[in-house]
């Protein structure tokens, strides 16, 4: 491997984010000397019932709090159902994580609450604005994809909030010809895999032929939460996953460099 003087110096990084999201991270990897391999393990589609989400968006003035579960939820909500002029005055906007908050600001909304350094439902429930003495009796709308965890809504309901979901997109597992994925492991085996959702990790395992699991399960992972680390162990990954401290593209890149960059080989 030729010396490039860059921190990734030829390291192959498998990026599993949805196609429209993978570009910026792949560019950062390549700018730092790495080889970005694109294999989306989740494909995003409009929701099965867009009329339901549209109806809820028309009723935004009835809610006191809007929570966005992910950057995808932000983009799909605004692209399909919202614009910044539709946000009522007095509606508190909250995000799971700094990356989602940054995405909301791209649509002209600057006052966004989130817990710094964390990007999950457990952390969001720690916000002062969501404690029982504050949230009781308030109406909350949660923007998300179809399905997903119920922890946030359940926690808020136990505290007396009235919660509704606006499901603004759905996730499906992409279909690839088996030989396409097989060739990745044979011809360009990645040194590290970046996975940013539990569903994406499960899909990658399912999409990989059983005969290639011996390659997959021995590859270093970069994940975004300790919950995913437990999932990786259950699937049989034999290396300790690296957990990104920040879910932004820059945060993921820094974790990749810290884990498999030139100074760590």
Protein backbone atom coordinates (compact mmCIF):
# COMPACT_ATOMS: atom_id res chain seq x y z
CA UNK A 1 0.00 0.00 0.00
CA UNK A 2 1.50 3.33 -1.07
CA UNK A 3 2.06 5.96 1.60
CA UNK A 4 -0.25 8.90 1.00
CA UNK A 5 0.49 10.95 4.12
CA UNK A 6 -3.25 11.04 4.79
CA UNK A 7 -4.74 9.41 7.88
CA UNK A 8 -6.72 6.70 6.08
CA UNK A 9 -4.03 5.91 3.48
CA UNK A 10 -5.94 3.38 1.37
CA UNK A 11 -8.20 2.06 4.11
CA UNK A 12 -11.42 0.68 2.61
CA UNK A 13 -14.55 1.91 4.38
CA UNK A 14 -17.94 0.35 3.65
CA UNK A 15 -20.61 3.05 3.97
CA UNK A 16 -24.10 1.64 4.47
CA UNK A 17 -26.14 4.84 4.75
CA UNK A 18 -29.08 5.41 2.38
CA UNK A 19 -27.95 6.53 -1.06
CA UNK A 20 -28.79 10.23 -0.71
CA UNK A 21 -27.01 10.45 2.65
CA UNK A 22 -23.86 8.57 1.79
CA UNK A 23 -22.24 11.17 -0.49
CA UNK A 24 -20.86 13.65 2.09
CA UNK A 25 -19.37 10.91 4.28
CA UNK A 26 -17.82 9.17 1.28
CA UNK A 27 -16.26 12.47 0.18
CA UNK A 28 -14.73 12.99 3.62
CA UNK A 29 -13.32 9.45 3.60
CA UNK A 30 -11.74 9.97 0.19
CA UNK A 31 -10.37 13.42 1.11
CA UNK A 32 -8.55 11.70 3.97
CA UNK A 33 -6.99 9.05 1.77
CA UNK A 34 -9.55 6.29 2.24
CA UNK A 35 -11.50 4.25 -0.29
CA UNK A 36 -15.26 4.64 0.16
CA UNK A 37 -17.34 1.59 -0.76
CA UNK A 38 -21.04 2.38 -1.08
CA UNK A 39 -23.57 -0.28 -0.12
CA UNK A 40 -26.82 1.23 1.19
CA UNK A 41 -28.52 -1.25 3.52
CA UNK A 42 -31.69 0.84 3.81
CA UNK A 43 -33.77 2.38 1.05
CA UNK A 44 -36.19 5.18 1.91
CA UNK A 45 -39.63 5.46 0.34
CA UNK A 46 -42.73 7.63 0.91
CA UNK A 47 -45.00 6.38 3.71
CA UNK A 48 -47.79 3.91 3.05
CA UNK A 49 -50.32 6.47 4.29
CA UNK A 50 -49.12 9.96 3.29
CA UNK A 51 -52.60 11.38 3.82
CA UNK A 52 -52.36 10.65 7.54
CA UNK A 53 -49.05 12.51 7.87
CA UNK A 54 -50.35 15.41 5.77
CA UNK A 55 -53.44 15.69 7.95
CA UNK A 56 -51.34 15.85 11.11
CA UNK A 57 -49.11 18.53 9.59
CA UNK A 58 -52.18 20.64 8.86
CA UNK A 59 -53.05 20.35 12.56
CA UNK A 60 -49.64 21.48 13.85
CA UNK A 61 -51.20 24.43 15.67
CA UNK A 62 -52.86 21.90 18.02
CA UNK A 63 -49.49 20.69 19.31
CA UNK A 64 -47.10 22.29 21.78
CA UNK A 65 -44.02 20.16 20.98
CA UNK A 66 -42.65 18.61 17.76
CA UNK A 67 -39.90 16.01 17.98
CA UNK A 68 -37.82 14.85 15.01
CA UNK A 69 -36.34 11.38 15.40
CA UNK A 70 -33.66 11.64 12.69
CA UNK A 71 -32.25 13.71 9.86
CA UNK A 72 -34.29 11.56 7.49
CA UNK A 73 -37.45 12.47 9.38
CA UNK A 74 -36.55 16.15 8.99
CA UNK A 75 -35.94 15.96 5.25
CA UNK A 76 -38.99 13.87 4.45
CA UNK A 77 -41.26 15.96 6.66
CA UNK A 78 -40.20 19.24 5.08
CA UNK A 79 -39.89 17.95 1.53
CA UNK A 80 -43.31 16.29 1.49
CA UNK A 81 -45.44 18.03 4.09
CA UNK A 82 -43.95 21.13 5.67
CA UNK A 83 -42.18 24.37 4.95
CA UNK A 84 -40.75 26.77 7.49
CA UNK A 85 -43.77 29.08 7.13
CA UNK A 86 -46.05 26.25 8.29
CA UNK A 87 -44.42 26.03 11.74
CA UNK A 88 -46.76 27.73 14.22
CA UNK A 89 -45.40 30.30 16.63
CA UNK A 90 -44.88 28.75 20.03
CA UNK A 91 -44.31 25.20 18.77
CA UNK A 92 -41.24 23.86 20.60
CA UNK A 93 -38.93 21.96 18.24
CA UNK A 94 -36.78 19.11 19.59
CA UNK A 95 -34.31 16.74 17.95
CA UNK A 96 -32.62 13.47 18.77
CA UNK A 97 -28.98 14.49 18.54
CA UNK A 98 -26.90 17.33 17.17
CA UNK A 99 -26.99 16.02 13.60
CA UNK A 100 -30.78 16.09 13.48
CA UNK A 101 -30.79 19.56 15.04
CA UNK A 102 -28.39 20.80 12.35
CA UNK A 103 -30.66 19.39 9.67
CA UNK A 104 -33.66 21.22 11.12
CA UNK A 105 -31.70 24.48 11.02
CA UNK A 106 -31.17 23.94 7.28
CA UNK A 107 -34.88 24.70 6.93
CA UNK A 108 -34.62 28.03 8.72
CA UNK A 109 -35.58 26.93 12.24
CA UNK A 110 -32.83 27.90 14.65
CA UNK A 111 -34.42 27.30 18.06
CA UNK A 112 -34.00 23.54 18.48
CA UNK A 113 -33.64 21.66 21.77
CA UNK A 114 -31.51 18.51 22.01
CA UNK A 115 -29.11 16.84 24.43
CA UNK A 116 -25.49 17.43 23.44
CA UNK A 117 -23.38 14.32 22.97
CA UNK A 118 -26.25 11.84 22.71
CA UNK A 119 -28.55 10.72 19.92
CA UNK A 120 -31.18 8.39 21.28
CA UNK A 121 -34.61 8.37 22.91
CA UNK A 122 -33.21 7.69 26.36
CA UNK A 123 -31.14 10.88 26.24
CA UNK A 124 -33.96 13.02 24.86
CA UNK A 125 -36.19 11.95 27.74
CA UNK A 126 -33.66 13.60 30.07
CA UNK A 127 -34.43 17.07 28.71
CA UNK A 128 -35.94 19.37 31.32
CA UNK A 129 -38.71 20.31 28.89
CA UNK A 130 -39.88 16.68 28.78
CA UNK A 131 -40.14 15.99 32.51
CA UNK A 132 -43.52 15.12 33.99
CA UNK A 133 -44.14 18.46 35.72
CA UNK A 134 -43.57 20.25 32.39
CA UNK A 135 -44.96 17.86 29.79
CA UNK A 136 -48.17 16.74 31.50
CA UNK A 137 -51.23 17.55 29.40
CA UNK A 138 -49.23 18.81 26.41
CA UNK A 139 -49.73 17.52 22.86
CA UNK A 140 -46.61 16.13 21.21
CA UNK A 141 -46.11 15.19 17.56
CA UNK A 142 -43.21 12.87 16.72
CA UNK A 143 -41.88 12.88 13.15
CA UNK A 144 -40.35 9.52 12.25
CA UNK A 145 -40.29 6.69 9.74
CA UNK A 146 -42.83 3.90 9.89
CA UNK A 147 -42.27 1.54 12.78
CA UNK A 148 -39.31 1.94 15.08
CA UNK A 149 -38.92 2.06 18.83
CA UNK A 150 -41.80 3.02 21.10
CA UNK A 151 -39.64 4.03 24.06
CA UNK A 152 -39.91 7.79 23.54
CA UNK A 153 -43.67 7.89 23.03
CA UNK A 154 -44.27 5.44 25.88
CA UNK A 155 -42.08 7.50 28.20
CA UNK A 156 -43.88 10.72 27.34
CA UNK A 157 -47.31 9.14 27.73
CA UNK A 158 -46.36 7.85 31.18
CA UNK A 159 -45.54 11.46 32.07
CA UNK A 160 -48.99 12.61 30.97
CA UNK A 161 -48.30 13.83 27.41
CA UNK A 162 -50.67 13.24 24.49
CA UNK A 163 -48.54 11.81 21.70
CA UNK A 164 -49.19 11.27 17.99
CA UNK A 165 -46.87 10.00 15.26
CA UNK A 166 -46.38 11.64 11.87
CA UNK A 167 -44.77 8.80 9.92
CA UNK A 168 -43.24 10.63 6.96
CA UNK A 169 -41.26 7.85 5.25
CA UNK A 170 -40.73 4.11 5.33
CA UNK A 171 -37.62 1.98 5.23
CA UNK A 172 -37.15 -1.08 3.06
CA UNK A 173 -34.24 -3.45 2.58
CA UNK A 174 -32.59 -2.98 -0.83
CA UNK A 175 -32.28 -5.95 -3.14
CA UNK A 176 -28.90 -6.69 -4.69
CA UNK A 177 -27.77 -9.57 -6.84
CA UNK A 178 -25.91 -11.95 -4.55
CA UNK A 179 -22.71 -11.72 -6.57
CA UNK A 180 -22.51 -7.94 -6.07
CA UNK A 181 -22.12 -8.28 -2.32
CA UNK A 182 -19.94 -11.38 -2.65
CA UNK A 183 -17.50 -9.45 -4.85
CA UNK A 184 -17.10 -6.82 -2.16
CA UNK A 185 -15.78 -9.44 0.26
CA UNK A 186 -13.62 -11.17 -2.34
CA UNK A 187 -12.30 -8.27 -4.44
CA UNK A 188 -12.38 -5.21 -2.16
CA UNK A 189 -12.90 -6.44 1.42
CA UNK A 190 -13.52 -3.44 3.68
CA UNK A 191 -11.28 -2.70 6.65
CA UNK A 192 -14.16 -1.07 8.51
CA UNK A 193 -17.95 -0.78 8.14
CA UNK A 194 -19.92 2.34 9.14
CA UNK A 195 -23.49 1.55 10.20
CA UNK A 196 -25.82 4.15 11.68
CA UNK A 197 -28.98 2.19 12.53
CA UNK A 198 -29.96 -1.13 14.05
CA UNK A 199 -32.08 -1.91 11.02
CA UNK A 200 -29.17 -1.22 8.70
CA UNK A 201 -26.97 -3.62 10.68
CA UNK A 202 -29.61 -6.34 10.59
CA UNK A 203 -30.12 -5.80 6.85
CA UNK A 204 -26.40 -6.08 6.12
CA UNK A 205 -26.26 -9.40 7.94
CA UNK A 206 -29.32 -10.66 6.02
CA UNK A 207 -28.10 -9.39 2.65
CA UNK A 208 -24.72 -11.11 3.04
CA UNK A 209 -24.71 -14.74 1.94
CA UNK A 210 -24.08 -17.20 4.79
CA UNK A 211 -20.87 -18.30 3.11
CA UNK A 212 -19.53 -14.74 3.38
CA UNK A 213 -20.47 -14.24 7.04
CA UNK A 214 -16.96 -15.33 8.01
CA UNK A 215 -15.68 -12.15 6.34
CA UNK A 216 -18.47 -9.86 7.54
CA UNK A 217 -18.34 -10.93 11.18
CA UNK A 218 -14.58 -10.40 11.41
CA UNK A 219 -14.72 -6.81 10.10
CA UNK A 220 -14.35 -3.78 12.37
CA UNK A 221 -17.59 -1.83 12.90
CA UNK A 222 -18.15 1.87 13.58
CA UNK A 223 -21.60 2.33 15.15
CA UNK A 224 -23.53 5.18 16.76
CA UNK A 225 -24.74 3.67 20.03
CA UNK A 226 -24.06 1.07 22.70
CA UNK A 227 -27.41 -0.59 21.96
CA UNK A 228 -26.14 -1.39 18.46
CA UNK A 229 -22.97 -2.82 20.00
CA UNK A 230 -25.04 -5.42 21.84
CA UNK A 231 -26.88 -6.22 18.62
CA UNK A 232 -23.55 -6.76 16.83
CA UNK A 233 -22.44 -9.23 19.53
CA UNK A 234 -25.70 -11.15 19.16
CA UNK A 235 -25.18 -11.40 15.40
CA UNK A 236 -21.71 -12.85 15.98
CA UNK A 237 -19.30 -9.98 15.23
CA UNK A 238 -16.05 -10.86 16.97
CA UNK A 239 -14.42 -7.43 17.21
CA UNK A 240 -15.39 -4.76 19.72
CA UNK A 241 -17.28 -2.09 17.75
CA UNK A 242 -16.12 1.51 17.89
CA UNK A 243 -18.86 3.90 19.00
CA UNK A 244 -18.93 7.35 17.38
CA UNK A 245 -19.20 10.14 19.94
CA UNK A 246 -21.06 12.27 17.41
CA UNK A 247 -23.41 11.09 14.67
CA UNK A 248 -22.42 13.76 12.13
CA UNK A 249 -20.35 12.81 9.08
CA UNK A 250 -17.34 14.50 10.66
CA UNK A 251 -17.89 12.59 13.89
CA UNK A 252 -18.12 9.28 12.03
CA UNK A 253 -14.97 10.08 10.05
CA UNK A 254 -13.04 10.92 13.22
CA UNK A 255 -14.07 7.61 14.75
CA UNK A 256 -12.98 5.71 11.64
CA UNK A 257 -9.60 7.45 11.72
CA UNK A 258 -9.18 6.83 15.45
CA UNK A 259 -10.02 3.15 14.98
CA UNK A 260 -8.25 2.08 11.78
CA UNK A 261 -6.24 5.11 10.63
CA UNK A 262 -2.50 5.08 10.04
CA UNK A 263 -1.64 5.59 13.68
CA UNK A 264 -3.72 2.59 14.75
CA UNK A 265 -2.50 -0.18 12.45
